[in-house]
């Protein structure tokens, strides 16, 4: 079986990565269509060794398309995802538009694959926030064994999480610093070059940001509503790769050695944890990789049954594009979707 797949937002960082990963993983496609806004119509993007001309989303008929991978922002998704779903095309949405809708499954295939069956309610499946995706991949196998009570996480999030504009701003500001030019601040609230900014998304009434709230709500929805989680989300001058310092309190005893053994066997996880110079993963090494990397696993003696660890992943891949393609693969593997056009 092969499927007709549309990628909405095909000219953006994540959209281009989705096209790359569909090709890399050999997803069974009969046709791939690149879609974006009218101003991007005619732009060329790559799909393997092929070049696709971008078509306009608002002029496209989804009635013969099987899967739509949506990465065009929340407002576009809110307008278009329900319309596309009603045409019988399954939408895998990378925005936050439907993550907290009880009729829309929020899926990380390594964490809660069985929840995918709920997609039939609206024909929409939500992809989690990039910082949450890698976190729950690391938490799930430990939760299954020792039951997590509380998580405290500080994130170190790369500028690619803010899109091409974020990456451009880090580049131009860094160059401006080196040549003593004026440093312009446009995308971020303060200068990002040679700085860190403890502010991602908008502030809420309780003082947390929406990015921090997302991590709480999404972890509860995908993993366990009883888990208590608090987060501080920070933007750092790194192009690709989100890092997280994670402190976990469990209900049952668990040692660092046991955690290492569990995580080494867990799907999507790769442990690199040597107590020596360079015996850990940084975002630089995670770029272009599919795994969620876990390092610096150690016991926290300040609480009963506590562990601390360092979690790193390529936010454009596992945090977005790869996870969306894995969701599409899960639909196919479980026989939850059939191609509208039968092969000749």
C-alpha atoms as a PDB file:
ATOM      1  CA  UNK A   1       0.000   0.000   0.000  1.00  0.00           C
ATOM      2  CA  UNK A   2       1.141   3.537  -0.705  1.00  0.00           C
ATOM      3  CA  UNK A   3      -0.367   6.826   0.374  1.00  0.00           C
ATOM      4  CA  UNK A   4      -0.792  10.320  -0.990  1.00  0.00           C
ATOM      5  CA  UNK A   5       0.770  12.711   1.537  1.00  0.00           C
ATOM      6  CA  UNK A   6       0.521  16.497   1.722  1.00  0.00           C
ATOM      7  CA  UNK A   7       3.003  18.567   3.722  1.00  0.00           C
ATOM      8  CA  UNK A   8       1.603  21.960   4.747  1.00  0.00           C
ATOM      9  CA  UNK A   9       4.235  24.548   5.623  1.00  0.00           C
ATOM     10  CA  UNK A  10       6.696  22.843   3.291  1.00  0.00           C
ATOM     11  CA  UNK A  11       8.957  25.882   2.978  1.00  0.00           C
ATOM     12  CA  UNK A  12       9.623  26.199   6.727  1.00  0.00           C
ATOM     13  CA  UNK A  13      12.372  24.542   8.787  1.00  0.00           C
ATOM     14  CA  UNK A  14      10.128  21.758  10.064  1.00  0.00           C
ATOM     15  CA  UNK A  15       8.272  21.301   6.777  1.00  0.00           C
ATOM     16  CA  UNK A  16      11.529  20.764   4.884  1.00  0.00           C
ATOM     17  CA  UNK A  17      12.661  18.343   7.584  1.00  0.00           C
ATOM     18  CA  UNK A  18       9.381  16.434   7.249  1.00  0.00           C
ATOM     19  CA  UNK A  19      10.020  15.984   3.532  1.00  0.00           C
ATOM     20  CA  UNK A  20      13.572  14.789   4.270  1.00  0.00           C
ATOM     21  CA  UNK A  21      12.438  12.279   6.880  1.00  0.00           C
ATOM     22  CA  UNK A  22       9.573  10.903   4.761  1.00  0.00           C
ATOM     23  CA  UNK A  23      12.206  10.118   2.135  1.00  0.00           C
ATOM     24  CA  UNK A  24      14.903   8.896   4.555  1.00  0.00           C
ATOM     25  CA  UNK A  25      12.585   6.433   6.278  1.00  0.00           C
ATOM     26  CA  UNK A  26      11.064   5.163   3.049  1.00  0.00           C
ATOM     27  CA  UNK A  27       7.503   6.036   4.000  1.00  0.00           C
ATOM     28  CA  UNK A  28       5.197   4.348   1.457  1.00  0.00           C
ATOM     29  CA  UNK A  29       4.115   7.296  -0.656  1.00  0.00           C
ATOM     30  CA  UNK A  30       2.351   7.227  -3.998  1.00  0.00           C
ATOM     31  CA  UNK A  31       2.652  11.019  -4.233  1.00  0.00           C
ATOM     32  CA  UNK A  32       3.923  13.859  -2.052  1.00  0.00           C
ATOM     33  CA  UNK A  33       2.460  17.356  -2.375  1.00  0.00           C
ATOM     34  CA  UNK A  34       4.190  20.417  -0.917  1.00  0.00           C
ATOM     35  CA  UNK A  35       1.799  23.124   0.271  1.00  0.00           C
ATOM     36  CA  UNK A  36       2.213  26.590   1.765  1.00  0.00           C
ATOM     37  CA  UNK A  37       0.662  30.049   1.577  1.00  0.00           C
ATOM     38  CA  UNK A  38       0.064  31.764  -1.761  1.00  0.00           C
ATOM     39  CA  UNK A  39       3.184  33.897  -1.391  1.00  0.00           C
ATOM     40  CA  UNK A  40       5.300  30.703  -1.448  1.00  0.00           C
ATOM     41  CA  UNK A  41       3.490  29.233  -4.461  1.00  0.00           C
ATOM     42  CA  UNK A  42       5.994  28.038  -7.057  1.00  0.00           C
ATOM     43  CA  UNK A  43       8.896  27.825  -4.593  1.00  0.00           C
ATOM     44  CA  UNK A  44      10.910  24.635  -5.049  1.00  0.00           C
ATOM     45  CA  UNK A  45      11.618  22.204  -2.204  1.00  0.00           C
ATOM     46  CA  UNK A  46      13.414  18.859  -2.177  1.00  0.00           C
ATOM     47  CA  UNK A  47      11.954  15.426  -1.587  1.00  0.00           C
ATOM     48  CA  UNK A  48      14.808  12.962  -1.878  1.00  0.00           C
ATOM     49  CA  UNK A  49      16.275  13.385  -5.368  1.00  0.00           C
ATOM     50  CA  UNK A  50      13.079  15.013  -6.616  1.00  0.00           C
ATOM     51  CA  UNK A  51      12.136  18.665  -6.667  1.00  0.00           C
ATOM     52  CA  UNK A  52       8.583  19.664  -5.759  1.00  0.00           C
ATOM     53  CA  UNK A  53       6.912  22.927  -6.682  1.00  0.00           C
ATOM     54  CA  UNK A  54       4.955  24.352  -3.770  1.00  0.00           C
ATOM     55  CA  UNK A  55       1.209  24.694  -4.281  1.00  0.00           C
ATOM     56  CA  UNK A  56      -1.158  27.063  -2.458  1.00  0.00           C
ATOM     57  CA  UNK A  57      -2.970  25.535   0.519  1.00  0.00           C
ATOM     58  CA  UNK A  58      -6.185  27.490  -0.075  1.00  0.00           C
ATOM     59  CA  UNK A  59      -6.480  26.181  -3.645  1.00  0.00           C
ATOM     60  CA  UNK A  60      -5.814  22.502  -2.886  1.00  0.00           C
ATOM     61  CA  UNK A  61      -8.443  19.732  -2.828  1.00  0.00           C
ATOM     62  CA  UNK A  62      -7.701  17.143  -0.105  1.00  0.00           C
ATOM     63  CA  UNK A  63     -10.433  14.699  -1.170  1.00  0.00           C
ATOM     64  CA  UNK A  64      -7.944  12.223  -2.695  1.00  0.00           C
ATOM     65  CA  UNK A  65      -5.168  12.807  -0.110  1.00  0.00           C
ATOM     66  CA  UNK A  66      -4.642  10.263   2.679  1.00  0.00           C
ATOM     67  CA  UNK A  67      -2.393  12.062   5.175  1.00  0.00           C
ATOM     68  CA  UNK A  68      -1.723  15.753   5.738  1.00  0.00           C
ATOM     69  CA  UNK A  69       1.297  16.652   7.855  1.00  0.00           C
ATOM     70  CA  UNK A  70       0.643  20.173   9.096  1.00  0.00           C
ATOM     71  CA  UNK A  71       3.437  22.529  10.140  1.00  0.00           C
ATOM     72  CA  UNK A  72       2.146  25.990   9.367  1.00  0.00           C
ATOM     73  CA  UNK A  73       1.373  27.393  12.836  1.00  0.00           C
ATOM     74  CA  UNK A  74      -1.609  27.336  15.146  1.00  0.00           C
ATOM     75  CA  UNK A  75      -3.824  29.858  13.355  1.00  0.00           C
ATOM     76  CA  UNK A  76      -3.517  28.079  10.009  1.00  0.00           C
ATOM     77  CA  UNK A  77      -4.156  24.735  11.671  1.00  0.00           C
ATOM     78  CA  UNK A  78      -7.256  25.961  13.512  1.00  0.00           C
ATOM     79  CA  UNK A  79      -8.722  27.138  10.198  1.00  0.00           C
ATOM     80  CA  UNK A  80      -7.687  24.262   7.979  1.00  0.00           C
ATOM     81  CA  UNK A  81      -7.256  21.054   9.987  1.00  0.00           C
ATOM     82  CA  UNK A  82     -10.989  20.515  10.663  1.00  0.00           C
ATOM     83  CA  UNK A  83     -11.801  21.197   6.989  1.00  0.00           C
ATOM     84  CA  UNK A  84      -9.125  18.752   5.832  1.00  0.00           C
ATOM     85  CA  UNK A  85     -10.240  16.108   8.323  1.00  0.00           C
ATOM     86  CA  UNK A  86     -13.811  16.354   7.080  1.00  0.00           C
ATOM     87  CA  UNK A  87     -12.546  15.489   3.581  1.00  0.00           C
ATOM     88  CA  UNK A  88     -11.367  12.133   4.932  1.00  0.00           C
ATOM     89  CA  UNK A  89      -7.693  13.068   5.131  1.00  0.00           C
ATOM     90  CA  UNK A  90      -5.939  12.398   8.459  1.00  0.00           C
ATOM     91  CA  UNK A  91      -4.180  15.504   9.755  1.00  0.00           C
ATOM     92  CA  UNK A  92      -1.007  15.181  11.847  1.00  0.00           C
ATOM     93  CA  UNK A  93      -0.664  18.650  13.314  1.00  0.00           C
ATOM     94  CA  UNK A  94       2.606  20.034  14.642  1.00  0.00           C
ATOM     95  CA  UNK A  95       1.078  23.162  16.237  1.00  0.00           C
ATOM     96  CA  UNK A  96      -0.503  23.594  19.671  1.00  0.00           C
ATOM     97  CA  UNK A  97      -3.968  24.169  18.164  1.00  0.00           C
ATOM     98  CA  UNK A  98      -5.471  20.783  19.094  1.00  0.00           C
ATOM     99  CA  UNK A  99      -3.078  19.318  21.682  1.00  0.00           C
ATOM    100  CA  UNK A 100      -5.418  19.930  24.607  1.00  0.00           C
ATOM    101  CA  UNK A 101      -8.628  18.895  22.807  1.00  0.00           C
ATOM    102  CA  UNK A 102      -9.925  15.736  24.494  1.00  0.00           C
ATOM    103  CA  UNK A 103     -11.197  14.476  21.129  1.00  0.00           C
ATOM    104  CA  UNK A 104      -7.719  14.726  19.571  1.00  0.00           C
ATOM    105  CA  UNK A 105      -5.005  12.247  20.574  1.00  0.00           C
ATOM    106  CA  UNK A 106      -1.629  13.742  21.498  1.00  0.00           C
ATOM    107  CA  UNK A 107       0.933  11.136  20.465  1.00  0.00           C
ATOM    108  CA  UNK A 108       4.563  10.210  20.942  1.00  0.00           C
ATOM    109  CA  UNK A 109       4.736   6.671  19.483  1.00  0.00           C
ATOM    110  CA  UNK A 110       7.280   5.441  22.063  1.00  0.00           C
ATOM    111  CA  UNK A 111       5.075   6.702  24.905  1.00  0.00           C
ATOM    112  CA  UNK A 112       1.326   6.311  24.221  1.00  0.00           C
ATOM    113  CA  UNK A 113       0.784   4.558  20.863  1.00  0.00           C
ATOM    114  CA  UNK A 114      -2.562   3.032  21.863  1.00  0.00           C
ATOM    115  CA  UNK A 115      -4.167   6.472  22.168  1.00  0.00           C
ATOM    116  CA  UNK A 116      -3.870   6.908  18.395  1.00  0.00           C
ATOM    117  CA  UNK A 117      -7.144   5.037  17.826  1.00  0.00           C
ATOM    118  CA  UNK A 118      -9.029   8.129  19.049  1.00  0.00           C
ATOM    119  CA  UNK A 119      -8.076  10.024  15.862  1.00  0.00           C
ATOM    120  CA  UNK A 120     -11.335   8.994  14.180  1.00  0.00           C
ATOM    121  CA  UNK A 121     -13.286  11.524  16.268  1.00  0.00           C
ATOM    122  CA  UNK A 122     -11.943  14.477  14.255  1.00  0.00           C
ATOM    123  CA  UNK A 123      -9.410  12.904  11.849  1.00  0.00           C
ATOM    124  CA  UNK A 124      -6.741  14.978  13.629  1.00  0.00           C
ATOM    125  CA  UNK A 125      -3.701  13.801  15.599  1.00  0.00           C
ATOM    126  CA  UNK A 126      -1.592  16.281  17.563  1.00  0.00           C
ATOM    127  CA  UNK A 127       2.193  16.341  17.743  1.00  0.00           C
ATOM    128  CA  UNK A 128       3.506  17.547  21.139  1.00  0.00           C
ATOM    129  CA  UNK A 129       5.682  20.535  21.873  1.00  0.00           C
ATOM    130  CA  UNK A 130       9.324  19.903  20.995  1.00  0.00           C
ATOM    131  CA  UNK A 131      10.561  20.196  24.576  1.00  0.00           C
ATOM    132  CA  UNK A 132       7.865  17.815  25.836  1.00  0.00           C
ATOM    133  CA  UNK A 133       8.473  15.157  23.178  1.00  0.00           C
ATOM    134  CA  UNK A 134      12.040  14.361  24.182  1.00  0.00           C
ATOM    135  CA  UNK A 135      11.189  14.623  27.887  1.00  0.00           C
ATOM    136  CA  UNK A 136       8.416  12.017  27.829  1.00  0.00           C
ATOM    137  CA  UNK A 137      10.510   9.617  25.720  1.00  0.00           C
ATOM    138  CA  UNK A 138      13.024   9.610  28.584  1.00  0.00           C
ATOM    139  CA  UNK A 139      10.432   9.577  31.384  1.00  0.00           C
ATOM    140  CA  UNK A 140       8.109   6.838  30.113  1.00  0.00           C
ATOM    141  CA  UNK A 141      10.355   3.770  30.670  1.00  0.00           C
ATOM    142  CA  UNK A 142      11.327   4.993  34.147  1.00  0.00           C
ATOM    143  CA  UNK A 143       7.703   5.745  35.053  1.00  0.00           C
ATOM    144  CA  UNK A 144       6.692   2.213  34.038  1.00  0.00           C
ATOM    145  CA  UNK A 145       9.167   0.761  36.540  1.00  0.00           C
ATOM    146  CA  UNK A 146       9.271   3.155  39.512  1.00  0.00           C
ATOM    147  CA  UNK A 147       6.237   5.522  39.072  1.00  0.00           C
ATOM    148  CA  UNK A 148       7.111   9.205  38.816  1.00  0.00           C
ATOM    149  CA  UNK A 149       5.688  11.562  41.457  1.00  0.00           C
ATOM    150  CA  UNK A 150       7.307  14.865  40.528  1.00  0.00           C
ATOM    151  CA  UNK A 151       9.547  16.324  37.833  1.00  0.00           C
ATOM    152  CA  UNK A 152      11.522  19.575  37.894  1.00  0.00           C
ATOM    153  CA  UNK A 153      12.949  20.506  34.487  1.00  0.00           C
ATOM    154  CA  UNK A 154      14.996  23.396  33.176  1.00  0.00           C
ATOM    155  CA  UNK A 155      15.247  23.581  29.400  1.00  0.00           C
ATOM    156  CA  UNK A 156      18.019  24.974  27.206  1.00  0.00           C
ATOM    157  CA  UNK A 157      16.176  25.444  23.917  1.00  0.00           C
ATOM    158  CA  UNK A 158      17.806  26.230  20.591  1.00  0.00           C
ATOM    159  CA  UNK A 159      16.767  29.133  18.389  1.00  0.00           C
ATOM    160  CA  UNK A 160      15.450  26.817  15.657  1.00  0.00           C
ATOM    161  CA  UNK A 161      12.491  26.255  17.960  1.00  0.00           C
ATOM    162  CA  UNK A 162      11.516  29.806  17.022  1.00  0.00           C
ATOM    163  CA  UNK A 163      11.739  29.033  13.303  1.00  0.00           C
ATOM    164  CA  UNK A 164      13.939  30.427  10.548  1.00  0.00           C
ATOM    165  CA  UNK A 165      13.613  33.945  11.984  1.00  0.00           C
ATOM    166  CA  UNK A 166      15.153  32.776  15.245  1.00  0.00           C
ATOM    167  CA  UNK A 167      18.078  31.128  13.494  1.00  0.00           C
ATOM    168  CA  UNK A 168      18.639  34.200  11.320  1.00  0.00           C
ATOM    169  CA  UNK A 169      18.621  36.468  14.361  1.00  0.00           C
ATOM    170  CA  UNK A 170      21.287  34.437  16.175  1.00  0.00           C
ATOM    171  CA  UNK A 171      23.449  34.437  13.041  1.00  0.00           C
ATOM    172  CA  UNK A 172      23.137  38.153  12.294  1.00  0.00           C
ATOM    173  CA  UNK A 173      23.591  39.199  15.922  1.00  0.00           C
ATOM    174  CA  UNK A 174      26.680  37.015  16.340  1.00  0.00           C
ATOM    175  CA  UNK A 175      28.222  38.473  13.195  1.00  0.00           C
ATOM    176  CA  UNK A 176      27.346  41.996  14.354  1.00  0.00           C
ATOM    177  CA  UNK A 177      29.090  41.436  17.695  1.00  0.00           C
ATOM    178  CA  UNK A 178      32.287  40.268  15.986  1.00  0.00           C
ATOM    179  CA  UNK A 179      32.474  43.241  13.616  1.00  0.00           C
ATOM    180  CA  UNK A 180      31.268  45.769  16.229  1.00  0.00           C
ATOM    181  CA  UNK A 181      28.064  46.592  14.327  1.00  0.00           C
ATOM    182  CA  UNK A 182      24.775  47.502  15.960  1.00  0.00           C
ATOM    183  CA  UNK A 183      22.966  44.434  17.338  1.00  0.00           C
ATOM    184  CA  UNK A 184      19.287  44.508  16.367  1.00  0.00           C
ATOM    185  CA  UNK A 185      16.678  42.653  18.449  1.00  0.00           C
ATOM    186  CA  UNK A 186      13.599  41.617  16.442  1.00  0.00           C
ATOM    187  CA  UNK A 187      12.482  38.033  17.037  1.00  0.00           C
ATOM    188  CA  UNK A 188      13.460  37.590  20.687  1.00  0.00           C
ATOM    189  CA  UNK A 189      12.765  39.854  23.667  1.00  0.00           C
ATOM    190  CA  UNK A 190      16.473  40.424  24.343  1.00  0.00           C
ATOM    191  CA  UNK A 191      19.717  39.825  22.504  1.00  0.00           C
ATOM    192  CA  UNK A 192      20.257  36.082  22.018  1.00  0.00           C
ATOM    193  CA  UNK A 193      23.880  36.149  20.796  1.00  0.00           C
ATOM    194  CA  UNK A 194      26.203  35.301  23.721  1.00  0.00           C
ATOM    195  CA  UNK A 195      23.208  35.398  26.073  1.00  0.00           C
ATOM    196  CA  UNK A 196      20.380  33.237  27.462  1.00  0.00           C
ATOM    197  CA  UNK A 197      16.749  34.335  27.726  1.00  0.00           C
ATOM    198  CA  UNK A 198      14.475  32.805  30.422  1.00  0.00           C
ATOM    199  CA  UNK A 199      11.350  33.485  28.394  1.00  0.00           C
ATOM    200  CA  UNK A 200       9.699  31.346  25.678  1.00  0.00           C
ATOM    201  CA  UNK A 201       6.144  32.131  24.517  1.00  0.00           C
ATOM    202  CA  UNK A 202       3.810  34.500  26.387  1.00  0.00           C
ATOM    203  CA  UNK A 203       3.580  35.045  30.133  1.00  0.00           C
ATOM    204  CA  UNK A 204       0.547  33.662  31.978  1.00  0.00           C
ATOM    205  CA  UNK A 205      -1.131  35.141  35.055  1.00  0.00           C
ATOM    206  CA  UNK A 206       0.717  32.806  37.454  1.00  0.00           C
ATOM    207  CA  UNK A 207       4.148  33.956  36.207  1.00  0.00           C
ATOM    208  CA  UNK A 208       4.896  30.854  34.166  1.00  0.00           C
ATOM    209  CA  UNK A 209       5.171  31.092  30.393  1.00  0.00           C
ATOM    210  CA  UNK A 210       2.924  29.221  27.992  1.00  0.00           C
ATOM    211  CA  UNK A 211       5.889  27.055  26.941  1.00  0.00           C
ATOM    212  CA  UNK A 212       6.268  25.938  30.558  1.00  0.00           C
ATOM    213  CA  UNK A 213       2.523  25.329  30.850  1.00  0.00           C
ATOM    214  CA  UNK A 214       2.602  23.215  27.675  1.00  0.00           C
ATOM    215  CA  UNK A 215       5.182  20.871  29.186  1.00  0.00           C
ATOM    216  CA  UNK A 216       2.976  20.340  32.245  1.00  0.00           C
ATOM    217  CA  UNK A 217      -0.295  19.813  30.361  1.00  0.00           C
ATOM    218  CA  UNK A 218       1.180  17.598  27.645  1.00  0.00           C
ATOM    219  CA  UNK A 219       3.111  15.355  30.043  1.00  0.00           C
ATOM    220  CA  UNK A 220      -0.050  14.810  32.058  1.00  0.00           C
ATOM    221  CA  UNK A 221      -2.107  14.035  28.941  1.00  0.00           C
ATOM    222  CA  UNK A 222       0.375  11.591  27.404  1.00  0.00           C
ATOM    223  CA  UNK A 223       2.035   9.998  30.408  1.00  0.00           C
ATOM    224  CA  UNK A 224       0.053  10.286  33.644  1.00  0.00           C
ATOM    225  CA  UNK A 225      -2.282  13.023  34.966  1.00  0.00           C
ATOM    226  CA  UNK A 226      -1.009  12.392  38.514  1.00  0.00           C
ATOM    227  CA  UNK A 227       2.568  13.480  37.724  1.00  0.00           C
ATOM    228  CA  UNK A 228       3.495  16.872  39.185  1.00  0.00           C
ATOM    229  CA  UNK A 229       5.803  18.843  36.912  1.00  0.00           C
ATOM    230  CA  UNK A 230       7.313  22.306  37.029  1.00  0.00           C
ATOM    231  CA  UNK A 231       9.451  23.799  34.269  1.00  0.00           C
ATOM    232  CA  UNK A 232      11.658  26.791  33.520  1.00  0.00           C
ATOM    233  CA  UNK A 233      12.124  27.210  29.767  1.00  0.00           C
ATOM    234  CA  UNK A 234      15.172  29.089  28.514  1.00  0.00           C
ATOM    235  CA  UNK A 235      16.282  30.081  25.001  1.00  0.00           C
ATOM    236  CA  UNK A 236      20.022  29.623  24.419  1.00  0.00           C
ATOM    237  CA  UNK A 237      22.340  30.634  21.541  1.00  0.00           C
ATOM    238  CA  UNK A 238      22.401  27.191  19.928  1.00  0.00           C
ATOM    239  CA  UNK A 239      21.107  26.642  16.384  1.00  0.00           C
ATOM    240  CA  UNK A 240      19.717  23.092  16.668  1.00  0.00           C
ATOM    241  CA  UNK A 241      19.081  20.788  19.623  1.00  0.00           C
ATOM    242  CA  UNK A 242      17.136  21.226  22.855  1.00  0.00           C
ATOM    243  CA  UNK A 243      18.722  20.215  26.176  1.00  0.00           C
ATOM    244  CA  UNK A 244      17.007  19.611  29.499  1.00  0.00           C
ATOM    245  CA  UNK A 245      18.243  19.260  33.068  1.00  0.00           C
ATOM    246  CA  UNK A 246      15.690  16.908  34.618  1.00  0.00           C
ATOM    247  CA  UNK A 247      15.189  16.075  38.304  1.00  0.00           C
ATOM    248  CA  UNK A 248      12.752  13.250  39.054  1.00  0.00           C
ATOM    249  CA  UNK A 249      11.194  12.002  42.291  1.00  0.00           C
ATOM    250  CA  UNK A 250       9.794   8.448  42.185  1.00  0.00           C
ATOM    251  CA  UNK A 251       7.367   6.536  44.373  1.00  0.00           C
ATOM    252  CA  UNK A 252       9.591   3.434  44.349  1.00  0.00           C
ATOM    253  CA  UNK A 253      13.339   3.098  44.838  1.00  0.00           C
ATOM    254  CA  UNK A 254      15.465   3.224  41.684  1.00  0.00           C
ATOM    255  CA  UNK A 255      19.225   3.516  41.368  1.00  0.00           C
ATOM    256  CA  UNK A 256      21.211   5.314  38.702  1.00  0.00           C
ATOM    257  CA  UNK A 257      22.515   1.965  37.434  1.00  0.00           C
ATOM    258  CA  UNK A 258      18.982   0.593  37.159  1.00  0.00           C
ATOM    259  CA  UNK A 259      17.864   3.723  35.308  1.00  0.00           C
ATOM    260  CA  UNK A 260      20.753   3.386  32.839  1.00  0.00           C
ATOM    261  CA  UNK A 261      19.858  -0.237  32.127  1.00  0.00           C
ATOM    262  CA  UNK A 262      16.169   0.620  31.653  1.00  0.00           C
ATOM    263  CA  UNK A 263      16.873   3.531  29.328  1.00  0.00           C
ATOM    264  CA  UNK A 264      19.388   1.574  27.233  1.00  0.00           C
ATOM    265  CA  UNK A 265      16.602  -0.867  26.350  1.00  0.00           C
ATOM    266  CA  UNK A 266      13.909   1.767  25.839  1.00  0.00           C
ATOM    267  CA  UNK A 267      12.659   2.684  22.340  1.00  0.00           C
ATOM    268  CA  UNK A 268      13.947   6.007  21.057  1.00  0.00           C
ATOM    269  CA  UNK A 269      16.495   6.410  23.866  1.00  0.00           C
ATOM    270  CA  UNK A 270      20.269   6.348  23.625  1.00  0.00           C
ATOM    271  CA  UNK A 271      22.365   6.478  26.783  1.00  0.00           C
ATOM    272  CA  UNK A 272      25.812   8.044  26.670  1.00  0.00           C
ATOM    273  CA  UNK A 273      26.832   8.428  30.285  1.00  0.00           C
ATOM    274  CA  UNK A 274      30.512   8.223  31.176  1.00  0.00           C
ATOM    275  CA  UNK A 275      31.840  10.079  34.192  1.00  0.00           C
ATOM    276  CA  UNK A 276      34.755  11.569  32.324  1.00  0.00           C
ATOM    277  CA  UNK A 277      35.547  14.557  30.130  1.00  0.00           C
ATOM    278  CA  UNK A 278      33.218  14.468  27.125  1.00  0.00           C
ATOM    279  CA  UNK A 279      31.276  11.482  28.435  1.00  0.00           C
ATOM    280  CA  UNK A 280      27.912  13.078  27.688  1.00  0.00           C
ATOM    281  CA  UNK A 281      25.896  14.422  24.759  1.00  0.00           C
ATOM    282  CA  UNK A 282      25.595  18.085  23.835  1.00  0.00           C
ATOM    283  CA  UNK A 283      23.138  19.560  21.301  1.00  0.00           C
ATOM    284  CA  UNK A 284      25.904  19.792  18.703  1.00  0.00           C
ATOM    285  CA  UNK A 285      26.161  15.978  18.515  1.00  0.00           C
ATOM    286  CA  UNK A 286      22.387  15.500  18.575  1.00  0.00           C
ATOM    287  CA  UNK A 287      21.782  17.542  15.408  1.00  0.00           C
ATOM    288  CA  UNK A 288      20.612  15.308  12.576  1.00  0.00           C
ATOM    289  CA  UNK A 289      20.048  12.326  14.887  1.00  0.00           C
ATOM    290  CA  UNK A 290      16.746  10.598  15.643  1.00  0.00           C
ATOM    291  CA  UNK A 291      17.410   9.487  19.218  1.00  0.00           C
ATOM    292  CA  UNK A 292      16.688  11.153  22.516  1.00  0.00           C
ATOM    293  CA  UNK A 293      20.082  11.126  24.250  1.00  0.00           C
ATOM    294  CA  UNK A 294      20.404  10.727  28.009  1.00  0.00           C
ATOM    295  CA  UNK A 295      23.543  11.545  30.004  1.00  0.00           C
ATOM    296  CA  UNK A 296      24.627  12.562  33.524  1.00  0.00           C
ATOM    297  CA  UNK A 297      22.329  10.040  35.256  1.00  0.00           C
ATOM    298  CA  UNK A 298      22.877  10.235  39.002  1.00  0.00           C
ATOM    299  CA  UNK A 299      21.039   9.781  42.275  1.00  0.00           C
ATOM    300  CA  UNK A 300      19.663  12.818  44.116  1.00  0.00           C
ATOM    301  CA  UNK A 301      20.170  12.366  47.843  1.00  0.00           C
ATOM    302  CA  UNK A 302      18.049  15.413  48.751  1.00  0.00           C
ATOM    303  CA  UNK A 303      14.786  13.512  48.188  1.00  0.00           C
ATOM    304  CA  UNK A 304      13.646   9.921  48.593  1.00  0.00           C
ATOM    305  CA  UNK A 305      13.963   7.966  45.344  1.00  0.00           C
ATOM    306  CA  UNK A 306      15.394  10.866  43.361  1.00  0.00           C
ATOM    307  CA  UNK A 307      17.364  10.935  40.104  1.00  0.00           C
ATOM    308  CA  UNK A 308      18.822  13.710  37.984  1.00  0.00           C
ATOM    309  CA  UNK A 309      19.736  13.450  34.290  1.00  0.00           C
ATOM    310  CA  UNK A 310      20.553  15.420  31.154  1.00  0.00           C
ATOM    311  CA  UNK A 311      18.298  14.919  28.096  1.00  0.00           C
ATOM    312  CA  UNK A 312      19.200  16.179  24.611  1.00  0.00           C
ATOM    313  CA  UNK A 313      17.512  15.821  21.228  1.00  0.00           C
ATOM    314  CA  UNK A 314      17.312  17.434  17.794  1.00  0.00           C
ATOM    315  CA  UNK A 315      14.177  19.554  18.195  1.00  0.00           C
ATOM    316  CA  UNK A 316      13.502  19.705  14.448  1.00  0.00           C
ATOM    317  CA  UNK A 317      13.497  15.904  14.256  1.00  0.00           C
ATOM    318  CA  UNK A 318      12.158  14.147  17.349  1.00  0.00           C
ATOM    319  CA  UNK A 319      10.657  17.379  18.591  1.00  0.00           C
ATOM    320  CA  UNK A 320       8.675  17.884  15.402  1.00  0.00           C
ATOM    321  CA  UNK A 321       9.220  16.295  11.980  1.00  0.00           C
ATOM    322  CA  UNK A 322      10.378  12.808  12.966  1.00  0.00           C
ATOM    323  CA  UNK A 323       7.618  12.374  15.530  1.00  0.00           C
ATOM    324  CA  UNK A 324       5.006  13.393  12.937  1.00  0.00           C
ATOM    325  CA  UNK A 325       6.332  10.829  10.444  1.00  0.00           C
ATOM    326  CA  UNK A 326       6.442   8.173  13.181  1.00  0.00           C
ATOM    327  CA  UNK A 327       2.759   8.893  13.859  1.00  0.00           C
ATOM    328  CA  UNK A 328       2.024   8.361  10.159  1.00  0.00           C
ATOM    329  CA  UNK A 329       3.976   5.089  10.286  1.00  0.00           C
ATOM    330  CA  UNK A 330       1.949   4.007  13.312  1.00  0.00           C
ATOM    331  CA  UNK A 331      -1.302   4.623  11.426  1.00  0.00           C
ATOM    332  CA  UNK A 332      -0.066   2.394   8.613  1.00  0.00           C
ATOM    333  CA  UNK A 333       1.419  -0.331  10.849  1.00  0.00           C
ATOM    334  CA  UNK A 334      -1.815  -0.698  12.809  1.00  0.00           C
ATOM    335  CA  UNK A 335      -3.983  -0.737   9.705  1.00  0.00           C
ATOM    336  CA  UNK A 336      -5.864   2.358  10.867  1.00  0.00           C
ATOM    337  CA  UNK A 337      -5.721   4.005   7.451  1.00  0.00           C
ATOM    338  CA  UNK A 338      -6.252   2.730   3.912  1.00  0.00           C
ATOM    339  CA  UNK A 339      -5.210   4.560   0.727  1.00  0.00           C
ATOM    340  CA  UNK A 340      -8.107   6.247  -1.039  1.00  0.00           C
ATOM    341  CA  UNK A 341      -6.596   5.372  -4.415  1.00  0.00           C
ATOM    342  CA  UNK A 342      -5.852   1.720  -4.936  1.00  0.00           C
ATOM    343  CA  UNK A 343      -2.624   0.874  -6.726  1.00  0.00           C
ATOM    344  CA  UNK A 344      -3.135   0.012 -10.364  1.00  0.00           C
END
